Amino acid sequence: MNREGFDTIEQAAEFVMAQSVREGIKRITGKGRALYAIKGKKTTCV
Protein backbone atom coordinates (compact mmCIF):
# COMPACT_ATOMS: atom_id res chain seq x y z
CA MET A 1 0.00 0.00 0.00
CA ASN A 2 2.79 2.40 0.88
CA ARG A 3 4.50 1.60 -2.39
CA GLU A 4 1.53 3.11 -4.29
CA GLY A 5 1.80 6.32 -2.26
CA PHE A 6 -1.10 5.78 0.15
CA ASP A 7 -0.48 5.73 3.89
CA THR A 8 -3.83 4.18 4.84
CA ILE A 9 -6.45 1.93 3.31
CA GLU A 10 -8.91 4.84 3.61
CA GLN A 11 -6.75 7.00 1.33
CA ALA A 12 -6.57 4.20 -1.22
CA ALA A 13 -10.34 3.66 -1.05
CA GLU A 14 -11.00 7.39 -1.45
CA PHE A 15 -8.76 7.50 -4.53
CA VAL A 16 -10.44 4.48 -6.10
CA MET A 17 -13.91 5.93 -5.45
CA ALA A 18 -13.03 9.35 -6.88
CA GLN A 19 -11.45 7.75 -9.95
CA SER A 20 -14.54 5.62 -10.47
CA VAL A 21 -16.81 8.67 -10.27
CA ARG A 22 -14.64 10.60 -12.75
CA GLU A 23 -14.66 7.71 -15.22
CA GLY A 24 -18.44 7.30 -14.87
CA ILE A 25 -19.03 10.98 -15.56
CA LYS A 26 -16.74 10.80 -18.58
CA ARG A 27 -18.77 7.87 -19.94
CA ILE A 28 -22.09 9.64 -19.36
CA THR A 29 -21.16 13.06 -20.73
CA GLY A 30 -18.40 12.09 -23.11
CA LYS A 31 -16.23 14.79 -21.58
CA GLY A 32 -13.98 15.29 -18.61
CA ARG A 33 -15.91 17.54 -16.25
CA ALA A 34 -14.87 19.29 -13.08
CA LEU A 35 -16.21 17.77 -9.87
CA TYR A 36 -16.42 20.97 -7.89
CA ALA A 37 -18.84 23.84 -7.56
CA ILE A 38 -18.00 26.99 -9.45
CA LYS A 39 -18.25 29.97 -7.14
CA GLY A 40 -18.92 33.46 -8.35
CA LYS A 41 -21.55 36.12 -8.73
CA LYS A 42 -25.01 34.75 -9.19
CA THR A 43 -26.79 36.33 -12.11
CA THR A 44 -30.14 35.67 -13.63
CA CYS A 45 -30.87 35.33 -17.28
CA VAL A 46 -33.25 38.02 -18.44
PDB file of N, CA and C in Angstrom:
ATOM      1  N   MET A   1       0.842  -1.191   0.000  1.00  0.00           N
ATOM      2  CA  MET A   1       0.000   0.000   0.000  1.00  0.00           C
ATOM      3  C   MET A   1       0.880   1.245   0.000  1.00  0.00           C
ATOM      4  N   ASN A   2       1.905   1.245   0.808  1.00  0.00           N
ATOM      5  CA  ASN A   2       2.791   2.401   0.883  1.00  0.00           C
ATOM      6  C   ASN A   2       3.541   2.599  -0.428  1.00  0.00           C
ATOM      7  N   ARG A   3       3.781   1.523  -1.131  1.00  0.00           N
ATOM      8  CA  ARG A   3       4.501   1.598  -2.395  1.00  0.00           C
ATOM      9  C   ARG A   3       3.701   2.377  -3.434  1.00  0.00           C
ATOM     10  N   GLU A   4       2.378   2.359  -3.369  1.00  0.00           N
ATOM     11  CA  GLU A   4       1.532   3.109  -4.292  1.00  0.00           C
ATOM     12  C   GLU A   4       1.375   4.564  -3.880  1.00  0.00           C
ATOM     13  N   GLY A   5       1.864   4.942  -2.706  1.00  0.00           N
ATOM     14  CA  GLY A   5       1.797   6.325  -2.262  1.00  0.00           C
ATOM     15  C   GLY A   5       0.682   6.614  -1.275  1.00  0.00           C
ATOM     16  N   PHE A   6      -0.027   5.599  -0.816  1.00  0.00           N
ATOM     17  CA  PHE A   6      -1.102   5.785   0.151  1.00  0.00           C
ATOM     18  C   PHE A   6      -0.636   5.296   1.513  1.00  0.00           C
ATOM     19  N   ASP A   7      -0.884   6.102   2.532  1.00  0.00           N
ATOM     20  CA  ASP A   7      -0.482   5.725   3.886  1.00  0.00           C
ATOM     21  C   ASP A   7      -1.501   4.810   4.550  1.00  0.00           C
ATOM     22  N   THR A   8      -2.779   4.969   4.199  1.00  0.00           N
ATOM     23  CA  THR A   8      -3.828   4.175   4.837  1.00  0.00           C
ATOM     24  C   THR A   8      -4.741   3.572   3.785  1.00  0.00           C
ATOM     25  N   ILE A   9      -5.477   2.566   4.197  1.00  0.00           N
ATOM     26  CA  ILE A   9      -6.451   1.931   3.309  1.00  0.00           C
ATOM     27  C   ILE A   9      -7.567   2.908   2.956  1.00  0.00           C
ATOM     28  N   GLU A  10      -7.866   3.841   3.877  1.00  0.00           N
ATOM     29  CA  GLU A  10      -8.906   4.837   3.615  1.00  0.00           C
ATOM     30  C   GLU A  10      -8.504   5.757   2.466  1.00  0.00           C
ATOM     31  N   GLN A  11      -7.228   6.152   2.425  1.00  0.00           N
ATOM     32  CA  GLN A  11      -6.751   6.998   1.327  1.00  0.00           C
ATOM     33  C   GLN A  11      -6.846   6.263  -0.003  1.00  0.00           C
ATOM     34  N   ALA A  12      -6.490   4.994  -0.003  1.00  0.00           N
ATOM     35  CA  ALA A  12      -6.571   4.197  -1.222  1.00  0.00           C
ATOM     36  C   ALA A  12      -8.023   4.054  -1.668  1.00  0.00           C
ATOM     37  N   ALA A  13      -8.927   3.800  -0.721  1.00  0.00           N
ATOM     38  CA  ALA A  13     -10.341   3.656  -1.053  1.00  0.00           C
ATOM     39  C   ALA A  13     -10.917   4.961  -1.586  1.00  0.00           C
ATOM     40  N   GLU A  14     -10.530   6.085  -0.990  1.00  0.00           N
ATOM     41  CA  GLU A  14     -11.004   7.387  -1.455  1.00  0.00           C
ATOM     42  C   GLU A  14     -10.533   7.652  -2.884  1.00  0.00           C
ATOM     43  N   PHE A  15      -9.290   7.309  -3.185  1.00  0.00           N
ATOM     44  CA  PHE A  15      -8.762   7.499  -4.531  1.00  0.00           C
ATOM     45  C   PHE A  15      -9.523   6.645  -5.541  1.00  0.00           C
ATOM     46  N   VAL A  16      -9.742   5.387  -5.197  1.00  0.00           N
ATOM     47  CA  VAL A  16     -10.444   4.478  -6.104  1.00  0.00           C
ATOM     48  C   VAL A  16     -11.865   4.969  -6.354  1.00  0.00           C
ATOM     49  N   MET A  17     -12.549   5.439  -5.308  1.00  0.00           N
ATOM     50  CA  MET A  17     -13.915   5.933  -5.452  1.00  0.00           C
ATOM     51  C   MET A  17     -13.952   7.177  -6.332  1.00  0.00           C
ATOM     52  N   ALA A  18     -13.060   8.129  -6.087  1.00  0.00           N
ATOM     53  CA  ALA A  18     -13.032   9.354  -6.884  1.00  0.00           C
ATOM     54  C   ALA A  18     -12.721   9.041  -8.341  1.00  0.00           C
ATOM     55  N   GLN A  19     -11.802   8.136  -8.578  1.00  0.00           N
ATOM     56  CA  GLN A  19     -11.446   7.753  -9.949  1.00  0.00           C
ATOM     57  C   GLN A  19     -12.635   7.109 -10.640  1.00  0.00           C
ATOM     58  N   SER A  20     -13.361   6.279  -9.921  1.00  0.00           N
ATOM     59  CA  SER A  20     -14.540   5.620 -10.474  1.00  0.00           C
ATOM     60  C   SER A  20     -15.611   6.638 -10.849  1.00  0.00           C
ATOM     61  N   VAL A  21     -15.824   7.624  -9.990  1.00  0.00           N
ATOM     62  CA  VAL A  21     -16.814   8.671 -10.271  1.00  0.00           C
ATOM     63  C   VAL A  21     -16.400   9.461 -11.506  1.00  0.00           C
ATOM     64  N   ARG A  22     -15.129   9.841 -11.592  1.00  0.00           N
ATOM     65  CA  ARG A  22     -14.643  10.597 -12.755  1.00  0.00           C
ATOM     66  C   ARG A  22     -14.833   9.812 -14.044  1.00  0.00           C
ATOM     67  N   GLU A  23     -14.511   8.531 -14.023  1.00  0.00           N
ATOM     68  CA  GLU A  23     -14.660   7.711 -15.222  1.00  0.00           C
ATOM     69  C   GLU A  23     -16.127   7.555 -15.598  1.00  0.00           C
ATOM     70  N   GLY A  24     -17.000   7.410 -14.603  1.00  0.00           N
ATOM     71  CA  GLY A  24     -18.436   7.302 -14.871  1.00  0.00           C
ATOM     72  C   GLY A  24     -18.986   8.562 -15.503  1.00  0.00           C
ATOM     73  N   ILE A  25     -18.572   9.710 -15.001  1.00  0.00           N
ATOM     74  CA  ILE A  25     -19.027  10.983 -15.564  1.00  0.00           C
ATOM     75  C   ILE A  25     -18.527  11.129 -16.991  1.00  0.00           C
ATOM     76  N   LYS A  26     -17.304  10.720 -17.230  1.00  0.00           N
ATOM     77  CA  LYS A  26     -16.742  10.804 -18.579  1.00  0.00           C
ATOM     78  C   LYS A  26     -17.550   9.936 -19.545  1.00  0.00           C
ATOM     79  N   ARG A  27     -17.968   8.750 -19.085  1.00  0.00           N
ATOM     80  CA  ARG A  27     -18.768   7.866 -19.940  1.00  0.00           C
ATOM     81  C   ARG A  27     -20.137   8.467 -20.212  1.00  0.00           C
ATOM     82  N   ILE A  28     -20.743   9.080 -19.203  1.00  0.00           N
ATOM     83  CA  ILE A  28     -22.088   9.637 -19.360  1.00  0.00           C
ATOM     84  C   ILE A  28     -22.080  10.865 -20.259  1.00  0.00           C
ATOM     85  N   THR A  29     -21.162  11.783 -20.012  1.00  0.00           N
ATOM     86  CA  THR A  29     -21.161  13.056 -20.734  1.00  0.00           C
ATOM     87  C   THR A  29     -20.274  13.042 -21.965  1.00  0.00           C
ATOM     88  N   GLY A  30     -19.339  12.119 -22.004  1.00  0.00           N
ATOM     89  CA  GLY A  30     -18.396  12.091 -23.107  1.00  0.00           C
ATOM     90  C   GLY A  30     -17.282  13.103 -22.945  1.00  0.00           C
ATOM     91  N   LYS A  31     -17.238  13.762 -21.823  1.00  0.00           N
ATOM     92  CA  LYS A  31     -16.227  14.786 -21.582  1.00  0.00           C
ATOM     93  C   LYS A  31     -15.691  14.648 -20.168  1.00  0.00           C
ATOM     94  N   GLY A  32     -14.511  15.192 -19.965  1.00  0.00           N
ATOM     95  CA  GLY A  32     -13.982  15.285 -18.613  1.00  0.00           C
ATOM     96  C   GLY A  32     -14.551  16.541 -17.977  1.00  0.00           C
ATOM     97  N   ARG A  33     -15.279  16.395 -16.910  1.00  0.00           N
ATOM     98  CA  ARG A  33     -15.914  17.539 -16.252  1.00  0.00           C
ATOM     99  C   ARG A  33     -15.313  17.749 -14.872  1.00  0.00           C
ATOM    100  N   ALA A  34     -15.342  18.968 -14.417  1.00  0.00           N
ATOM    101  CA  ALA A  34     -14.872  19.295 -13.077  1.00  0.00           C
ATOM    102  C   ALA A  34     -15.871  18.770 -12.049  1.00  0.00           C
ATOM    103  N   LEU A  35     -15.354  18.300 -10.932  1.00  0.00           N
ATOM    104  CA  LEU A  35     -16.213  17.772  -9.873  1.00  0.00           C
ATOM    105  C   LEU A  35     -16.246  18.717  -8.686  1.00  0.00           C
ATOM    106  N   TYR A  36     -16.349  20.006  -8.968  1.00  0.00           N
ATOM    107  CA  TYR A  36     -16.415  20.969  -7.888  1.00  0.00           C
ATOM    108  C   TYR A  36     -17.362  22.090  -8.295  1.00  0.00           C
ATOM    109  N   ALA A  37     -17.917  22.733  -7.306  1.00  0.00           N
ATOM    110  CA  ALA A  37     -18.843  23.835  -7.559  1.00  0.00           C
ATOM    111  C   ALA A  37     -18.063  25.055  -8.012  1.00  0.00           C
ATOM    112  N   ILE A  38     -18.615  25.752  -8.977  1.00  0.00           N
ATOM    113  CA  ILE A  38     -18.003  26.989  -9.450  1.00  0.00           C
ATOM    114  C   ILE A  38     -18.614  28.125  -8.660  1.00  0.00           C
ATOM    115  N   LYS A  39     -17.767  28.875  -7.968  1.00  0.00           N
ATOM    116  CA  LYS A  39     -18.253  29.968  -7.138  1.00  0.00           C
ATOM    117  C   LYS A  39     -18.074  31.279  -7.883  1.00  0.00           C
ATOM    118  N   GLY A  40     -19.013  32.160  -7.698  1.00  0.00           N
ATOM    119  CA  GLY A  40     -18.922  33.459  -8.348  1.00  0.00           C
ATOM    120  C   GLY A  40     -20.210  34.224  -8.142  1.00  0.00           C
ATOM    121  N   LYS A  41     -20.333  35.327  -8.856  1.00  0.00           N
ATOM    122  CA  LYS A  41     -21.545  36.123  -8.727  1.00  0.00           C
ATOM    123  C   LYS A  41     -22.712  35.372  -9.355  1.00  0.00           C
ATOM    124  N   LYS A  42     -23.817  35.387  -8.648  1.00  0.00           N
ATOM    125  CA  LYS A  42     -25.012  34.754  -9.186  1.00  0.00           C
ATOM    126  C   LYS A  42     -25.769  35.781 -10.011  1.00  0.00           C
ATOM    127  N   THR A  43     -26.036  35.442 -11.235  1.00  0.00           N
ATOM    128  CA  THR A  43     -26.788  36.331 -12.111  1.00  0.00           C
ATOM    129  C   THR A  43     -27.978  35.570 -12.656  1.00  0.00           C
ATOM    130  N   THR A  44     -28.967  36.290 -13.035  1.00  0.00           N
ATOM    131  CA  THR A  44     -30.139  35.668 -13.626  1.00  0.00           C
ATOM    132  C   THR A  44     -30.178  35.995 -15.104  1.00  0.00           C
ATOM    133  N   CYS A  45     -30.709  35.096 -15.853  1.00  0.00           N
ATOM    134  CA  CYS A  45     -30.870  35.331 -17.284  1.00  0.00           C
ATOM    135  C   CYS A  45     -32.157  36.115 -17.492  1.00  0.00           C
ATOM    136  N   VAL A  46     -32.073  37.184 -18.218  1.00  0.00           N
ATOM    137  CA  VAL A  46     -33.255  38.021 -18.435  1.00  0.00           C
ATOM    138  C   VAL A  46     -33.670  37.923 -19.869  1.00  0.00           C
TER     139      VAL A  46
END
